[in-house]
Amino acid sequence: MAEEYVSRVPWSIEPSLKEKTEEVGIDFDKFIAGLAKNLSDMEMAKDFNVSSKLISHLRKHFEELGIHSVMGQD
């Protein structure tokens, strides 16, 4: 008897980085550009007028989960 393959829809374990930046009023593309320029948390916090702790949280999301945190399989 052949096993039937069941397709599973990918799911996210938390909001994407884009959703998080939009939620706190940070332009996503500018945030990614800041990461690409290797700006410090303090520099980016000043540019976006937010705390360095917030930038650190967003940077950690990028470094550990990437832009999206999608899991699952087809």
N, C-alpha and C. Protein backbone atom coordinates (compact mmCIF):
# COMPACT_ATOMS: atom_id res chain seq x y z
N MET A 1 0.84 -1.18 0.00
CA MET A 1 0.00 0.00 0.00
C MET A 1 0.89 1.24 0.00
N ALA A 2 0.69 2.10 -0.97
CA ALA A 2 1.49 3.32 -1.09
C ALA A 2 1.03 4.36 -0.07
N GLU A 3 2.01 5.07 0.50
CA GLU A 3 1.67 6.14 1.44
C GLU A 3 1.19 7.36 0.66
N GLU A 4 0.20 8.01 1.20
CA GLU A 4 -0.32 9.22 0.57
C GLU A 4 0.45 10.41 1.13
N TYR A 5 0.93 11.27 0.25
CA TYR A 5 1.67 12.45 0.66
C TYR A 5 0.69 13.58 0.94
N VAL A 6 0.82 14.19 2.10
CA VAL A 6 -0.04 15.30 2.49
C VAL A 6 0.80 16.58 2.44
N SER A 7 0.36 17.52 1.62
CA SER A 7 1.06 18.80 1.53
C SER A 7 0.77 19.63 2.77
N ARG A 8 1.80 20.24 3.30
CA ARG A 8 1.63 21.09 4.49
C ARG A 8 1.97 22.52 4.13
N VAL A 9 1.15 23.41 4.58
CA VAL A 9 1.34 24.83 4.30
C VAL A 9 2.41 25.39 5.24
N PRO A 10 3.37 26.13 4.70
CA PRO A 10 4.37 26.77 5.57
C PRO A 10 3.68 27.74 6.53
N TRP A 11 4.24 27.91 7.70
CA TRP A 11 3.68 28.82 8.68
C TRP A 11 4.81 29.60 9.32
N SER A 12 4.47 30.70 9.90
CA SER A 12 5.46 31.58 10.49
C SER A 12 5.43 31.45 12.01
N ILE A 13 6.61 31.46 12.62
CA ILE A 13 6.66 31.37 14.07
C ILE A 13 6.50 32.74 14.73
N GLU A 14 6.67 33.79 13.97
CA GLU A 14 6.46 35.15 14.48
C GLU A 14 6.40 36.12 13.30
N PRO A 15 6.03 37.37 13.56
CA PRO A 15 5.93 38.34 12.46
C PRO A 15 7.27 38.49 11.72
N SER A 16 7.17 38.86 10.45
CA SER A 16 8.38 39.08 9.66
C SER A 16 9.08 40.35 10.13
N LEU A 17 10.33 40.49 9.73
CA LEU A 17 11.09 41.68 10.07
C LEU A 17 10.42 42.92 9.47
N LYS A 18 9.89 42.79 8.28
CA LYS A 18 9.20 43.93 7.65
C LYS A 18 8.00 44.36 8.49
N GLU A 19 7.23 43.39 8.97
CA GLU A 19 6.07 43.73 9.82
C GLU A 19 6.52 44.41 11.10
N LYS A 20 7.61 43.92 11.69
CA LYS A 20 8.10 44.50 12.94
C LYS A 20 8.59 45.94 12.73
N THR A 21 9.33 46.18 11.65
CA THR A 21 9.82 47.55 11.42
C THR A 21 8.66 48.50 11.15
N GLU A 22 7.69 48.05 10.37
CA GLU A 22 6.53 48.89 10.08
C GLU A 22 5.76 49.22 11.35
N GLU A 23 5.65 48.25 12.24
CA GLU A 23 4.91 48.43 13.49
C GLU A 23 5.50 49.54 14.36
N VAL A 24 6.82 49.70 14.31
CA VAL A 24 7.48 50.70 15.14
C VAL A 24 7.86 51.96 14.36
N GLY A 25 7.40 52.07 13.11
CA GLY A 25 7.61 53.27 12.32
C GLY A 25 8.99 53.40 11.69
N ILE A 26 9.65 52.28 11.45
CA ILE A 26 10.97 52.29 10.81
C ILE A 26 10.80 51.82 9.37
N ASP A 27 11.40 52.56 8.43
CA ASP A 27 11.37 52.16 7.03
C ASP A 27 12.22 50.91 6.86
N PHE A 28 11.58 49.82 6.42
CA PHE A 28 12.24 48.53 6.28
C PHE A 28 13.46 48.60 5.38
N ASP A 29 13.31 49.21 4.20
CA ASP A 29 14.43 49.28 3.24
C ASP A 29 15.61 50.05 3.81
N LYS A 30 15.33 51.13 4.54
CA LYS A 30 16.41 51.91 5.15
C LYS A 30 17.08 51.12 6.29
N PHE A 31 16.28 50.34 7.00
CA PHE A 31 16.84 49.50 8.06
C PHE A 31 17.81 48.48 7.47
N ILE A 32 17.39 47.79 6.41
CA ILE A 32 18.25 46.81 5.75
C ILE A 32 19.50 47.48 5.20
N ALA A 33 19.35 48.69 4.65
CA ALA A 33 20.51 49.43 4.14
C ALA A 33 21.48 49.75 5.28
N GLY A 34 20.95 50.08 6.44
CA GLY A 34 21.81 50.35 7.61
C GLY A 34 22.58 49.11 8.02
N LEU A 35 21.92 47.96 7.98
CA LEU A 35 22.62 46.71 8.29
C LEU A 35 23.72 46.45 7.26
N ALA A 36 23.40 46.68 5.99
CA ALA A 36 24.38 46.45 4.91
C ALA A 36 25.60 47.36 5.06
N LYS A 37 25.37 48.57 5.57
CA LYS A 37 26.48 49.52 5.79
C LYS A 37 27.21 49.24 7.09
N ASN A 38 26.73 48.21 7.82
CA ASN A 38 27.33 47.84 9.10
C ASN A 38 27.30 48.98 10.12
N LEU A 39 26.19 49.75 10.11
CA LEU A 39 26.03 50.81 11.09
C LEU A 39 25.79 50.20 12.47
N SER A 40 26.23 50.89 13.49
CA SER A 40 26.02 50.40 14.86
C SER A 40 24.56 50.61 15.28
N ASP A 41 24.18 49.95 16.36
CA ASP A 41 22.83 50.13 16.88
C ASP A 41 22.59 51.59 17.26
N MET A 42 23.60 52.23 17.84
CA MET A 42 23.48 53.64 18.23
C MET A 42 23.28 54.54 17.01
N GLU A 43 24.04 54.30 15.95
CA GLU A 43 23.90 55.11 14.73
C GLU A 43 22.51 54.95 14.13
N MET A 44 22.05 53.72 14.06
CA MET A 44 20.74 53.47 13.47
C MET A 44 19.63 54.03 14.36
N ALA A 45 19.79 53.89 15.66
CA ALA A 45 18.79 54.43 16.60
C ALA A 45 18.66 55.94 16.41
N LYS A 46 19.79 56.61 16.25
CA LYS A 46 19.77 58.06 16.03
C LYS A 46 19.08 58.39 14.71
N ASP A 47 19.41 57.66 13.65
CA ASP A 47 18.82 57.90 12.33
C ASP A 47 17.30 57.70 12.34
N PHE A 48 16.82 56.71 13.09
CA PHE A 48 15.39 56.40 13.11
C PHE A 48 14.65 57.01 14.31
N ASN A 49 15.39 57.69 15.16
CA ASN A 49 14.81 58.33 16.34
C ASN A 49 14.08 57.31 17.24
N VAL A 50 14.77 56.21 17.50
CA VAL A 50 14.27 55.16 18.39
C VAL A 50 15.40 54.75 19.33
N SER A 51 15.11 53.87 20.27
CA SER A 51 16.15 53.42 21.20
C SER A 51 17.10 52.41 20.54
N SER A 52 18.32 52.38 21.04
CA SER A 52 19.28 51.39 20.53
C SER A 52 18.84 49.98 20.92
N LYS A 53 18.08 49.85 22.01
CA LYS A 53 17.56 48.54 22.41
C LYS A 53 16.59 48.00 21.35
N LEU A 54 15.76 48.87 20.78
CA LEU A 54 14.85 48.46 19.72
C LEU A 54 15.63 48.01 18.48
N ILE A 55 16.62 48.78 18.10
CA ILE A 55 17.44 48.40 16.94
C ILE A 55 18.13 47.06 17.21
N SER A 56 18.63 46.87 18.41
CA SER A 56 19.28 45.62 18.78
C SER A 56 18.32 44.44 18.63
N HIS A 57 17.07 44.62 19.06
CA HIS A 57 16.06 43.58 18.93
C HIS A 57 15.81 43.24 17.46
N LEU A 58 15.67 44.28 16.62
CA LEU A 58 15.43 44.06 15.19
C LEU A 58 16.64 43.41 14.52
N ARG A 59 17.83 43.82 14.91
CA ARG A 59 19.06 43.23 14.36
C ARG A 59 19.14 41.74 14.74
N LYS A 60 18.80 41.43 15.98
CA LYS A 60 18.83 40.04 16.44
C LYS A 60 17.85 39.20 15.62
N HIS A 61 16.67 39.74 15.35
CA HIS A 61 15.70 39.02 14.52
C HIS A 61 16.33 38.72 13.16
N PHE A 62 16.95 39.72 12.54
CA PHE A 62 17.58 39.54 11.23
C PHE A 62 18.67 38.49 11.27
N GLU A 63 19.53 38.56 12.27
CA GLU A 63 20.67 37.65 12.36
C GLU A 63 20.26 36.21 12.67
N GLU A 64 19.20 36.04 13.46
CA GLU A 64 18.80 34.70 13.88
C GLU A 64 17.72 34.08 12.99
N LEU A 65 16.81 34.92 12.47
CA LEU A 65 15.68 34.40 11.72
C LEU A 65 15.64 34.86 10.26
N GLY A 66 16.44 35.85 9.94
CA GLY A 66 16.39 36.42 8.60
C GLY A 66 15.23 37.40 8.47
N ILE A 67 14.79 37.61 7.26
CA ILE A 67 13.72 38.57 7.02
C ILE A 67 12.37 37.96 7.40
N HIS A 68 12.20 36.69 7.09
CA HIS A 68 10.96 35.98 7.43
C HIS A 68 11.33 34.76 8.25
N SER A 69 10.43 34.36 9.10
CA SER A 69 10.68 33.17 9.93
C SER A 69 9.66 32.10 9.57
N VAL A 70 9.69 31.69 8.30
CA VAL A 70 8.72 30.73 7.79
C VAL A 70 9.26 29.32 7.97
N MET A 71 8.38 28.45 8.46
CA MET A 71 8.73 27.05 8.66
C MET A 71 7.69 26.20 7.97
N GLY A 72 7.94 24.92 7.87
CA GLY A 72 6.98 24.01 7.28
C GLY A 72 7.55 23.34 6.05
N GLN A 73 6.68 22.65 5.35
CA GLN A 73 7.14 21.93 4.17
C GLN A 73 5.98 21.77 3.19
N ASP A 74 6.33 21.47 1.97
CA ASP A 74 5.32 21.15 0.95
C ASP A 74 5.09 19.68 0.94
